[in-house]
Amino acid sequence: MKARVFVTLKNGVLDPQGKAIGHALNGLGFGSVGEVRQGKVIDLELSESDPAKAKASLKDMCEKLLANTVIEKYEIEIK
């Protein structure tokens, strides 16, 4: 089973990398770009065949390692 985890900063947390990306895009002539928030995508392949168990395991992975839950939020997508 394949899964994808999207990790992004929570609302209200400053995103200096997103600001730098937005500034660079504006400098390249993409003036219609407003606020930019950046994050990360993690693709995983799991041997689990039960989607409910896989989602529970992925949630545990996110809470323990993949996301800093103090400042980041995550979304799990099972394929």
C-alpha atoms as a PDB file:
ATOM      1  CA  MET A   1       0.000   0.000   0.000  1.00  0.00           C
ATOM      2  CA  LYS A   2       1.279   3.477  -0.833  1.00  0.00           C
ATOM      3  CA  ALA A   3       0.756   6.577   1.250  1.00  0.00           C
ATOM      4  CA  ARG A   4       1.574  10.230   0.991  1.00  0.00           C
ATOM      5  CA  VAL A   5       1.956  12.611   3.926  1.00  0.00           C
ATOM      6  CA  PHE A   6       1.712  16.382   3.443  1.00  0.00           C
ATOM      7  CA  VAL A   7       3.399  18.410   6.186  1.00  0.00           C
ATOM      8  CA  THR A   8       2.869  22.175   6.365  1.00  0.00           C
ATOM      9  CA  LEU A   9       3.312  24.898   8.931  1.00  0.00           C
ATOM     10  CA  LYS A  10       0.270  25.703  11.046  1.00  0.00           C
ATOM     11  CA  ASN A  11      -1.530  28.992  10.408  1.00  0.00           C
ATOM     12  CA  GLY A  12       0.106  31.805  12.341  1.00  0.00           C
ATOM     13  CA  VAL A  13       3.583  30.253  12.250  1.00  0.00           C
ATOM     14  CA  LEU A  14       6.070  32.417  10.369  1.00  0.00           C
ATOM     15  CA  ASP A  15       7.310  30.870   7.122  1.00  0.00           C
ATOM     16  CA  PRO A  16      10.551  32.617   6.102  1.00  0.00           C
ATOM     17  CA  GLN A  17      11.220  30.136   3.296  1.00  0.00           C
ATOM     18  CA  GLY A  18       7.751  30.743   1.870  1.00  0.00           C
ATOM     19  CA  LYS A  19       8.372  34.497   2.052  1.00  0.00           C
ATOM     20  CA  ALA A  20      11.684  34.077   0.196  1.00  0.00           C
ATOM     21  CA  ILE A  21       9.986  31.999  -2.516  1.00  0.00           C
ATOM     22  CA  GLY A  22       7.229  34.603  -2.908  1.00  0.00           C
ATOM     23  CA  HIS A  23       9.757  37.435  -3.082  1.00  0.00           C
ATOM     24  CA  ALA A  24      11.830  35.563  -5.698  1.00  0.00           C
ATOM     25  CA  LEU A  25       8.740  34.847  -7.811  1.00  0.00           C
ATOM     26  CA  ASN A  26       7.739  38.516  -7.687  1.00  0.00           C
ATOM     27  CA  GLY A  27      11.302  39.454  -8.682  1.00  0.00           C
ATOM     28  CA  LEU A  28      11.030  37.124 -11.682  1.00  0.00           C
ATOM     29  CA  GLY A  29       7.963  38.984 -12.897  1.00  0.00           C
ATOM     30  CA  PHE A  30       5.222  36.843 -11.366  1.00  0.00           C
ATOM     31  CA  GLY A  31       3.493  39.799  -9.744  1.00  0.00           C
ATOM     32  CA  SER A  32       0.196  38.001  -9.240  1.00  0.00           C
ATOM     33  CA  VAL A  33       1.743  35.732  -6.572  1.00  0.00           C
ATOM     34  CA  GLY A  34       0.653  36.717  -3.071  1.00  0.00           C
ATOM     35  CA  GLU A  35       1.455  34.853   0.126  1.00  0.00           C
ATOM     36  CA  VAL A  36       3.450  31.624  -0.291  1.00  0.00           C
ATOM     37  CA  ARG A  37       3.560  28.810   2.264  1.00  0.00           C
ATOM     38  CA  GLN A  38       5.945  25.925   1.704  1.00  0.00           C
ATOM     39  CA  GLY A  39       5.871  22.411   3.078  1.00  0.00           C
ATOM     40  CA  LYS A  40       7.041  18.901   2.372  1.00  0.00           C
ATOM     41  CA  VAL A  41       5.623  15.737   0.835  1.00  0.00           C
ATOM     42  CA  ILE A  42       6.680  12.315   2.090  1.00  0.00           C
ATOM     43  CA  ASP A  43       5.858   9.199   0.018  1.00  0.00           C
ATOM     44  CA  LEU A  44       5.873   5.882   1.838  1.00  0.00           C
ATOM     45  CA  GLU A  45       5.298   2.294   0.799  1.00  0.00           C
ATOM     46  CA  LEU A  46       3.746   0.162   3.523  1.00  0.00           C
ATOM     47  CA  SER A  47       3.374  -3.604   3.768  1.00  0.00           C
ATOM     48  CA  GLU A  48       0.093  -3.154   5.687  1.00  0.00           C
ATOM     49  CA  SER A  49      -3.000  -4.191   3.709  1.00  0.00           C
ATOM     50  CA  ASP A  50      -5.681  -2.836   6.078  1.00  0.00           C
ATOM     51  CA  PRO A  51      -6.244   0.878   5.336  1.00  0.00           C
ATOM     52  CA  ALA A  52      -7.419   1.628   8.893  1.00  0.00           C
ATOM     53  CA  LYS A  53      -4.299   0.057  10.412  1.00  0.00           C
ATOM     54  CA  ALA A  54      -2.106   1.821   7.859  1.00  0.00           C
ATOM     55  CA  LYS A  55      -3.671   5.190   8.684  1.00  0.00           C
ATOM     56  CA  ALA A  56      -3.197   4.591  12.422  1.00  0.00           C
ATOM     57  CA  SER A  57       0.435   3.647  11.849  1.00  0.00           C
ATOM     58  CA  LEU A  58       1.018   6.705   9.655  1.00  0.00           C
ATOM     59  CA  LYS A  59      -0.548   8.975  12.275  1.00  0.00           C
ATOM     60  CA  ASP A  60       1.852   7.518  14.845  1.00  0.00           C
ATOM     61  CA  MET A  61       4.799   8.091  12.466  1.00  0.00           C
ATOM     62  CA  CYS A  62       3.759  11.709  11.978  1.00  0.00           C
ATOM     63  CA  GLU A  63       3.349  12.338  15.699  1.00  0.00           C
ATOM     64  CA  LYS A  64       6.731  10.785  16.517  1.00  0.00           C
ATOM     65  CA  LEU A  65       8.976  11.797  13.603  1.00  0.00           C
ATOM     66  CA  LEU A  66       7.578  13.126  10.349  1.00  0.00           C
ATOM     67  CA  ALA A  67       6.000  16.337  11.682  1.00  0.00           C
ATOM     68  CA  ASN A  68       6.844  18.728  14.465  1.00  0.00           C
ATOM     69  CA  THR A  69       3.280  18.925  15.769  1.00  0.00           C
ATOM     70  CA  VAL A  70       4.014  22.053  17.799  1.00  0.00           C
ATOM     71  CA  ILE A  71       4.343  24.136  14.617  1.00  0.00           C
ATOM     72  CA  GLU A  72       3.311  21.784  11.783  1.00  0.00           C
ATOM     73  CA  LYS A  73       0.141  20.053  10.695  1.00  0.00           C
ATOM     74  CA  TYR A  74      -0.088  16.998   8.486  1.00  0.00           C
ATOM     75  CA  GLU A  75      -2.512  15.276   6.135  1.00  0.00           C
ATOM     76  CA  ILE A  76      -2.409  11.583   5.260  1.00  0.00           C
ATOM     77  CA  GLU A  77      -3.433  10.237   1.864  1.00  0.00           C
ATOM     78  CA  ILE A  78      -3.606   6.492   1.279  1.00  0.00           C
ATOM     79  CA  LYS A  79      -3.431   5.326  -2.329  1.00  0.00           C
END
